[in-house]
Amino acid sequence: MPGIFSHDYIAYPFSAFTASHILMIVLFAAVSGLLYFLRVRLRQIDCWIRGTMFFLLFVLELFYHIWLFKGGHWDLSYTLPLHLCSISLILCLVLLATKSRTVFQIVYFIGIIGAMMSISTPEIFLGFPHFRYFQFFITHNLIILTCLYFVFVHQYRPTGKGLLKSFLFLNISASAAFLANKLTGGNYMFLSYKPNSTSLLDYLGPYPYYILVLEAVASFLFLLLLAPFQWIERKNARMEDFS
């Protein structure tokens, strides 16, 4: 049997919403819950937690590129860090290292939305127990968990200004991805065509109109991510007025 680091897509097939896919979604939900319930204790070992998350993200991404290069599959058309989740991963590394509130504002919105889409409808062609299966789901889960960690443990809060900065950053990144697609023939951020696997983009219309619809959907989802914090803020303000 080919090894778990092979490029044999037949030996390790992946199918969405099978047991291996659902397992990673359940594990993500469980760890998210633990981050919330253990948030006070985690503050006491903050450096260790951030260091571990940084190490996992960095090493798994590094090994992914080594795996591609060793197998002769590393190519400028799809391995540059210009996909939304690749950009979010880099931002998470910066956030974990610096605790930058500005970086948090950006990655909170684009990181959670992008990683959630990838986890729910993954464009991955190698399943359990292949290296790529674990690398894909662990890194995408960690992108969201990093954001939640700073919300729960460090009590960072997304803001309206942060939403605008994130949306601007998203469009600047999309412009860079569009240019890279023209130069390399790639499909960064799926701006050239829809992914081959089933995805949420299938419901947003044909190319290129789905790109415009995606802008509107991103705006709505950004607002949705901000809404709970605005609701809490208004609630606290009303309680202060009555006190």
Protein backbone atom coordinates (compact mmCIF):
# COMPACT_ATOMS: atom_id res chain seq x y z
CA MET A 1 0.00 0.00 0.00
CA PRO A 2 1.36 3.48 -0.85
CA GLY A 3 2.56 5.51 2.11
CA ILE A 4 0.57 8.27 3.74
CA PHE A 5 2.94 10.82 2.15
CA SER A 6 2.38 9.51 -1.38
CA HIS A 7 0.48 11.27 -4.15
CA ASP A 8 -1.74 8.28 -4.81
CA TYR A 9 -5.22 9.80 -4.98
CA ILE A 10 -6.85 6.42 -5.57
CA ALA A 11 -5.48 4.72 -2.46
CA TYR A 12 -6.72 7.47 -0.13
CA PRO A 13 -9.94 8.90 -1.57
CA PHE A 14 -11.85 11.64 0.23
CA SER A 15 -15.62 12.00 0.27
CA ALA A 16 -17.44 14.90 1.88
CA PHE A 17 -19.60 14.28 4.95
CA THR A 18 -18.35 10.76 5.51
CA ALA A 19 -17.20 9.68 8.97
CA SER A 20 -13.67 11.11 8.56
CA HIS A 21 -15.03 14.50 7.47
CA ILE A 22 -17.65 14.71 10.21
CA LEU A 23 -15.04 13.65 12.78
CA MET A 24 -12.97 16.75 12.09
CA ILE A 25 -16.03 18.99 12.34
CA VAL A 26 -16.97 17.41 15.68
CA LEU A 27 -13.40 17.76 16.98
CA PHE A 28 -13.41 21.42 15.97
CA ALA A 29 -16.66 22.02 17.85
CA ALA A 30 -15.33 20.20 20.91
CA VAL A 31 -12.07 22.18 21.03
CA SER A 32 -13.99 25.43 20.52
CA GLY A 33 -16.12 24.57 23.54
CA LEU A 34 -13.03 23.76 25.61
CA LEU A 35 -11.46 27.11 24.70
CA TYR A 36 -14.51 28.86 26.09
CA PHE A 37 -14.95 26.84 29.28
CA LEU A 38 -11.22 26.80 30.09
CA ARG A 39 -10.59 30.42 29.05
CA VAL A 40 -9.57 31.58 32.53
CA ARG A 41 -7.11 28.73 33.07
CA LEU A 42 -5.67 29.12 29.59
CA ARG A 43 -4.60 32.68 30.39
CA GLN A 44 -2.11 31.24 32.85
CA ILE A 45 -0.36 29.23 30.14
CA ASP A 46 -0.93 31.71 27.31
CA CYS A 47 2.64 31.66 25.99
CA TRP A 48 2.65 27.86 25.83
CA ILE A 49 -0.74 27.72 24.05
CA ARG A 50 0.19 30.38 21.51
CA GLY A 51 3.56 28.74 20.93
CA THR A 52 1.95 25.35 20.32
CA MET A 53 -0.59 26.77 17.88
CA PHE A 54 2.13 28.72 16.06
CA PHE A 55 4.32 25.60 15.84
CA LEU A 56 1.50 23.44 14.44
CA LEU A 57 0.45 25.98 11.84
CA PHE A 58 4.00 26.71 10.70
CA VAL A 59 5.29 23.12 10.63
CA LEU A 60 2.21 21.64 8.93
CA GLU A 61 2.25 24.33 6.25
CA LEU A 62 6.00 23.89 5.75
CA PHE A 63 5.64 20.11 5.46
CA TYR A 64 2.80 20.58 2.97
CA HIS A 65 5.06 22.57 0.65
CA ILE A 66 7.90 20.07 1.12
CA TRP A 67 5.45 17.25 0.30
CA LEU A 68 4.36 19.04 -2.86
CA PHE A 69 7.96 19.79 -3.91
CA LYS A 70 9.19 16.25 -3.23
CA GLY A 71 6.34 14.83 -5.30
CA GLY A 72 6.97 17.24 -8.16
CA HIS A 73 3.66 19.02 -7.64
CA TRP A 74 4.84 22.40 -6.38
CA ASP A 75 3.74 24.95 -8.94
CA LEU A 76 3.37 28.73 -9.00
CA SER A 77 -0.15 28.40 -10.35
CA TYR A 78 -1.55 27.07 -7.08
CA THR A 79 1.06 26.96 -4.29
CA LEU A 80 1.64 30.68 -3.69
CA PRO A 81 0.03 31.94 -0.44
CA LEU A 82 -2.76 33.74 -2.28
CA HIS A 83 -5.74 31.60 -1.38
CA LEU A 84 -7.86 33.13 1.35
CA CYS A 85 -6.97 30.45 3.89
CA SER A 86 -3.25 30.65 3.08
CA ILE A 87 -3.36 34.39 3.71
CA SER A 88 -5.34 33.80 6.90
CA LEU A 89 -2.79 31.23 8.07
CA ILE A 90 0.03 33.75 7.69
CA LEU A 91 -2.01 36.36 9.55
CA CYS A 92 -2.66 33.85 12.34
CA LEU A 93 1.08 33.27 12.69
CA VAL A 94 1.61 37.03 13.00
CA LEU A 95 -1.26 37.31 15.49
CA LEU A 96 0.03 34.46 17.64
CA ALA A 97 3.53 35.94 17.68
CA THR A 98 2.61 39.59 18.23
CA LYS A 99 -0.95 39.64 19.68
CA SER A 100 -1.63 42.52 17.27
CA ARG A 101 -5.17 43.85 17.60
CA THR A 102 -5.07 45.16 14.02
CA VAL A 103 -4.19 41.74 12.65
CA PHE A 104 -6.89 40.19 14.80
CA GLN A 105 -9.54 42.48 13.28
CA ILE A 106 -8.62 41.35 9.77
CA VAL A 107 -8.15 37.64 10.37
CA TYR A 108 -11.26 37.37 12.55
CA PHE A 109 -13.48 38.14 9.59
CA ILE A 110 -11.64 36.68 6.60
CA GLY A 111 -10.12 33.77 8.51
CA ILE A 112 -13.31 32.46 10.05
CA ILE A 113 -15.37 32.85 6.88
CA GLY A 114 -12.74 31.32 4.59
CA ALA A 115 -11.86 28.42 6.89
CA MET A 116 -15.50 27.62 7.65
CA MET A 117 -16.24 27.38 3.92
CA SER A 118 -13.19 25.17 3.41
CA ILE A 119 -14.08 22.86 6.30
CA SER A 120 -17.74 22.51 5.29
CA THR A 121 -17.04 22.00 1.57
CA PRO A 122 -13.35 21.01 1.38
CA GLU A 123 -11.47 21.00 -1.91
CA ILE A 124 -9.27 18.09 -0.89
CA PHE A 125 -8.67 14.89 -2.79
CA LEU A 126 -6.81 12.79 -0.23
CA GLY A 127 -8.63 11.33 2.75
CA PHE A 128 -7.90 9.61 6.07
CA PRO A 129 -5.24 8.64 7.08
CA HIS A 130 -3.18 10.55 4.51
CA PHE A 131 -0.89 13.39 5.59
CA ARG A 132 -2.80 15.89 3.45
CA TYR A 133 -6.06 15.01 5.19
CA PHE A 134 -4.63 15.86 8.62
CA GLN A 135 -2.69 18.88 7.35
CA PHE A 136 -5.75 20.36 5.66
CA PHE A 137 -8.21 19.99 8.51
CA ILE A 138 -5.82 20.80 11.37
CA THR A 139 -4.57 24.02 9.76
CA HIS A 140 -8.06 25.18 8.75
CA ASN A 141 -9.43 24.36 12.20
CA LEU A 142 -6.53 26.20 13.81
CA ILE A 143 -7.25 29.34 11.80
CA ILE A 144 -10.69 29.57 13.38
CA LEU A 145 -9.49 28.38 16.78
CA THR A 146 -6.81 31.08 16.82
CA CYS A 147 -9.50 33.73 16.34
CA LEU A 148 -11.70 32.17 19.01
CA TYR A 149 -8.74 31.89 21.37
CA PHE A 150 -8.17 35.64 21.22
CA VAL A 151 -11.89 36.29 21.69
CA PHE A 152 -12.32 33.92 24.65
CA VAL A 153 -8.95 34.11 26.38
CA HIS A 154 -7.65 37.60 25.52
CA GLN A 155 -11.12 39.13 25.20
CA TYR A 156 -10.39 40.77 21.86
CA ARG A 157 -13.52 42.09 20.18
CA PRO A 158 -14.22 42.67 16.47
CA THR A 159 -15.38 46.18 15.61
CA GLY A 160 -17.15 47.99 12.80
CA LYS A 161 -13.86 49.64 11.81
CA GLY A 162 -12.22 46.22 11.86
CA LEU A 163 -14.91 44.93 9.52
CA LEU A 164 -14.20 47.73 7.03
CA LYS A 165 -10.45 47.14 7.26
CA SER A 166 -10.98 43.43 6.72
CA PHE A 167 -13.21 43.99 3.70
CA LEU A 168 -10.65 46.38 2.21
CA PHE A 169 -7.85 43.88 2.87
CA LEU A 170 -9.94 41.14 1.26
CA ASN A 171 -10.38 43.15 -1.94
CA ILE A 172 -6.71 44.12 -2.08
CA SER A 173 -5.81 40.44 -1.67
CA ALA A 174 -8.32 39.51 -4.37
CA SER A 175 -6.70 42.02 -6.73
CA ALA A 176 -3.30 40.44 -6.10
CA ALA A 177 -4.80 36.97 -6.64
CA PHE A 178 -6.45 38.10 -9.87
CA LEU A 179 -3.12 39.39 -11.18
CA ALA A 180 -1.36 36.18 -10.13
CA ASN A 181 -4.01 34.15 -11.95
CA LYS A 182 -3.33 36.07 -15.14
CA LEU A 183 0.42 35.57 -14.83
CA THR A 184 0.44 31.92 -13.77
CA GLY A 185 -2.81 30.52 -15.19
CA GLY A 186 -3.90 29.70 -11.64
CA ASN A 187 -7.19 29.97 -9.83
CA TYR A 188 -6.32 31.73 -6.61
CA MET A 189 -9.40 32.66 -4.54
CA PHE A 190 -11.40 30.86 -7.28
CA LEU A 191 -11.44 34.06 -9.33
CA SER A 192 -10.83 32.23 -12.61
CA TYR A 193 -13.38 29.44 -12.25
CA LYS A 194 -15.24 27.48 -9.59
CA PRO A 195 -13.47 24.68 -7.69
CA ASN A 196 -13.75 21.19 -9.14
CA SER A 197 -15.33 19.84 -5.96
CA THR A 198 -18.78 20.78 -4.67
CA SER A 199 -18.72 24.14 -2.91
CA LEU A 200 -20.92 27.03 -1.84
CA LEU A 201 -19.93 28.81 -5.04
CA ASP A 202 -22.13 26.39 -6.97
CA TYR A 203 -25.16 28.31 -5.64
CA LEU A 204 -23.92 31.79 -6.55
CA GLY A 205 -24.41 31.73 -10.31
CA PRO A 206 -22.08 31.26 -13.30
CA TYR A 207 -18.66 32.79 -13.84
CA PRO A 208 -17.91 35.70 -13.57
CA TYR A 209 -21.16 36.80 -11.89
CA TYR A 210 -20.60 34.62 -8.84
CA ILE A 211 -17.64 36.85 -7.93
CA LEU A 212 -19.95 39.85 -7.52
CA VAL A 213 -22.43 37.75 -5.56
CA LEU A 214 -19.56 36.51 -3.41
CA GLU A 215 -18.75 40.12 -2.50
CA ALA A 216 -22.30 40.59 -1.25
CA VAL A 217 -22.24 37.27 0.61
CA ALA A 218 -18.91 38.18 2.24
CA SER A 219 -20.36 41.51 3.40
CA PHE A 220 -23.37 39.75 4.91
CA LEU A 221 -21.25 37.12 6.66
CA PHE A 222 -18.91 39.78 8.03
CA LEU A 223 -21.89 41.59 9.51
CA LEU A 224 -23.16 38.30 10.91
CA LEU A 225 -19.84 37.70 12.69
CA LEU A 226 -19.95 41.20 14.14
CA ALA A 227 -23.61 41.14 15.20
CA PRO A 228 -23.28 39.19 18.51
CA PHE A 229 -20.64 41.60 19.81
CA GLN A 230 -22.65 44.65 18.84
CA TRP A 231 -25.70 43.15 20.54
CA ILE A 232 -23.71 42.53 23.74
CA GLU A 233 -22.28 46.04 23.60
CA ARG A 234 -25.73 47.63 23.24
CA LYS A 235 -27.08 45.42 26.02
CA ASN A 236 -24.28 46.46 28.38
CA ALA A 237 -24.81 50.11 27.47
CA ARG A 238 -28.52 49.84 28.35
CA MET A 239 -27.70 48.19 31.67
CA GLU A 240 -25.29 51.03 32.50
CA ASP A 241 -28.02 53.58 31.70
CA PHE A 242 -30.41 51.88 34.13
CA SER A 243 -27.80 51.54 36.89
